[in-house]
C-alpha atoms as a PDB file:
ATOM      1  CA  UNK A   1     101.873-152.593-107.590  1.00  0.00           C
ATOM      2  CA  UNK A   2      99.085-151.834-110.023  1.00  0.00           C
ATOM      3  CA  UNK A   3      98.146-148.228-110.643  1.00  0.00           C
ATOM      4  CA  UNK A   4      95.030-148.529-112.802  1.00  0.00           C
ATOM      5  CA  UNK A   5      91.740-149.470-111.208  1.00  0.00           C
ATOM      6  CA  UNK A   6      91.139-152.281-113.708  1.00  0.00           C
ATOM      7  CA  UNK A   7      94.561-153.750-112.947  1.00  0.00           C
ATOM      8  CA  UNK A   8      93.902-153.537-109.201  1.00  0.00           C
ATOM      9  CA  UNK A   9      90.619-155.365-109.712  1.00  0.00           C
ATOM     10  CA  UNK A  10      92.369-158.019-111.797  1.00  0.00           C
ATOM     11  CA  UNK A  11      94.907-158.540-109.001  1.00  0.00           C
ATOM     12  CA  UNK A  12      92.087-158.962-106.461  1.00  0.00           C
ATOM     13  CA  UNK A  13      90.296-161.460-108.707  1.00  0.00           C
ATOM     14  CA  UNK A  14      93.506-163.410-109.315  1.00  0.00           C
ATOM     15  CA  UNK A  15      94.075-163.653-105.554  1.00  0.00           C
ATOM     16  CA  UNK A  16      90.538-164.967-105.039  1.00  0.00           C
ATOM     17  CA  UNK A  17      90.950-167.516-107.832  1.00  0.00           C
ATOM     18  CA  UNK A  18      94.289-168.651-106.410  1.00  0.00           C
ATOM     19  CA  UNK A  19      92.761-169.293-102.987  1.00  0.00           C
ATOM     20  CA  UNK A  20      89.799-171.125-104.520  1.00  0.00           C
ATOM     21  CA  UNK A  21      92.020-173.251-106.766  1.00  0.00           C
ATOM     22  CA  UNK A  22      94.280-174.168-103.844  1.00  0.00           C
ATOM     23  CA  UNK A  23      91.231-175.256-101.856  1.00  0.00           C
ATOM     24  CA  UNK A  24      89.881-177.450-104.665  1.00  0.00           C
ATOM     25  CA  UNK A  25      93.327-178.905-105.346  1.00  0.00           C
ATOM     26  CA  UNK A  26      93.992-179.744-101.709  1.00  0.00           C
ATOM     27  CA  UNK A  27      90.518-181.233-101.245  1.00  0.00           C
ATOM     28  CA  UNK A  28      91.031-183.447-104.282  1.00  0.00           C
ATOM     29  CA  UNK A  29      94.492-184.522-103.127  1.00  0.00           C
ATOM     30  CA  UNK A  30      93.019-185.504 -99.756  1.00  0.00           C
ATOM     31  CA  UNK A  31      90.258-187.464-101.494  1.00  0.00           C
ATOM     32  CA  UNK A  32      92.860-189.290-103.613  1.00  0.00           C
ATOM     33  CA  UNK A  33      94.891-190.098-100.508  1.00  0.00           C
ATOM     34  CA  UNK A  34      91.799-191.429 -98.730  1.00  0.00           C
ATOM     35  CA  UNK A  35      90.833-193.476-101.786  1.00  0.00           C
ATOM     36  CA  UNK A  36      94.277-195.099-101.921  1.00  0.00           C
ATOM     37  CA  UNK A  37      93.973-195.996 -98.231  1.00  0.00           C
ATOM     38  CA  UNK A  38      90.632-197.805 -98.636  1.00  0.00           C
ATOM     39  CA  UNK A  39      90.305-201.494 -99.419  1.00  0.00           C
ATOM     40  CA  UNK A  40      88.012-203.683-101.506  1.00  0.00           C
ATOM     41  CA  UNK A  41      84.579-202.680-102.706  1.00  0.00           C
ATOM     42  CA  UNK A  42      84.638-199.365-100.820  1.00  0.00           C
ATOM     43  CA  UNK A  43      87.337-198.241-103.220  1.00  0.00           C
ATOM     44  CA  UNK A  44      85.093-199.041-106.188  1.00  0.00           C
ATOM     45  CA  UNK A  45      82.269-197.027-104.677  1.00  0.00           C
ATOM     46  CA  UNK A  46      84.422-193.961-103.953  1.00  0.00           C
ATOM     47  CA  UNK A  47      86.285-193.944-107.270  1.00  0.00           C
ATOM     48  CA  UNK A  48      83.578-192.224-109.399  1.00  0.00           C
ATOM     49  CA  UNK A  49      83.358-189.316-106.929  1.00  0.00           C
ATOM     50  CA  UNK A  50      87.116-188.813-106.906  1.00  0.00           C
ATOM     51  CA  UNK A  51      87.290-189.112-110.701  1.00  0.00           C
ATOM     52  CA  UNK A  52      84.653-186.381-110.985  1.00  0.00           C
ATOM     53  CA  UNK A  53      86.703-184.153-108.683  1.00  0.00           C
ATOM     54  CA  UNK A  54      89.781-184.708-110.845  1.00  0.00           C
ATOM     55  CA  UNK A  55      87.776-183.905-114.002  1.00  0.00           C
ATOM     56  CA  UNK A  56      86.567-180.650-112.452  1.00  0.00           C
ATOM     57  CA  UNK A  57      90.136-179.635-111.651  1.00  0.00           C
ATOM     58  CA  UNK A  58      91.141-180.255-115.252  1.00  0.00           C
ATOM     59  CA  UNK A  59      88.108-178.371-116.537  1.00  0.00           C
ATOM     60  CA  UNK A  60      88.989-175.370-114.347  1.00  0.00           C
ATOM     61  CA  UNK A  61      92.613-175.678-115.553  1.00  0.00           C
ATOM     62  CA  UNK A  62      93.934-176.133-112.024  1.00  0.00           C
ATOM     63  CA  UNK A  63      95.748-179.224-113.295  1.00  0.00           C
ATOM     64  CA  UNK A  64      96.617-180.232-116.843  1.00  0.00           C
ATOM     65  CA  UNK A  65      94.181-182.526-118.631  1.00  0.00           C
ATOM     66  CA  UNK A  66      96.896-185.157-119.191  1.00  0.00           C
ATOM     67  CA  UNK A  67      97.744-185.173-115.482  1.00  0.00           C
ATOM     68  CA  UNK A  68      94.057-185.692-114.739  1.00  0.00           C
ATOM     69  CA  UNK A  69      93.930-188.584-117.191  1.00  0.00           C
ATOM     70  CA  UNK A  70      97.041-190.172-115.659  1.00  0.00           C
ATOM     71  CA  UNK A  71      95.682-189.830-112.125  1.00  0.00           C
ATOM     72  CA  UNK A  72      92.344-191.351-113.077  1.00  0.00           C
ATOM     73  CA  UNK A  73      94.040-194.195-114.942  1.00  0.00           C
ATOM     74  CA  UNK A  74      96.228-195.120-111.976  1.00  0.00           C
ATOM     75  CA  UNK A  75      93.305-194.912-109.555  1.00  0.00           C
ATOM     76  CA  UNK A  76      91.097-196.997-111.858  1.00  0.00           C
ATOM     77  CA  UNK A  77      93.777-199.703-112.008  1.00  0.00           C
ATOM     78  CA  UNK A  78      93.956-199.782-108.205  1.00  0.00           C
ATOM     79  CA  UNK A  79      90.159-199.807-107.861  1.00  0.00           C
ATOM     80  CA  UNK A  80      89.776-202.646-110.385  1.00  0.00           C
ATOM     81  CA  UNK A  81      92.543-204.645-108.763  1.00  0.00           C
ATOM     82  CA  UNK A  82      90.951-204.205-105.342  1.00  0.00           C
ATOM     83  CA  UNK A  83      87.587-205.245-106.739  1.00  0.00           C
ATOM     84  CA  UNK A  84      89.054-208.333-108.417  1.00  0.00           C
ATOM     85  CA  UNK A  85      90.983-209.369-105.290  1.00  0.00           C
ATOM     86  CA  UNK A  86      87.908-209.532-103.092  1.00  0.00           C
END
């Protein structure tokens, strides 16, 4: 365990960040799951919101920027295919 006050504070801050990052990550994963479950034009309407959530995770370094790009690419393909199929 930390002995210096600054190190104790850093441990507290890291714990808070971890909880916050887990919340944002889980919320985004749920949004991705819900987006994959939708059909047709609703998917096209929801995609920009989910893409923004993914970008925010990458910006906060919760996920790697390449993983964010891959996720958005796959979701965009699904959204475009659903839009074209209608």
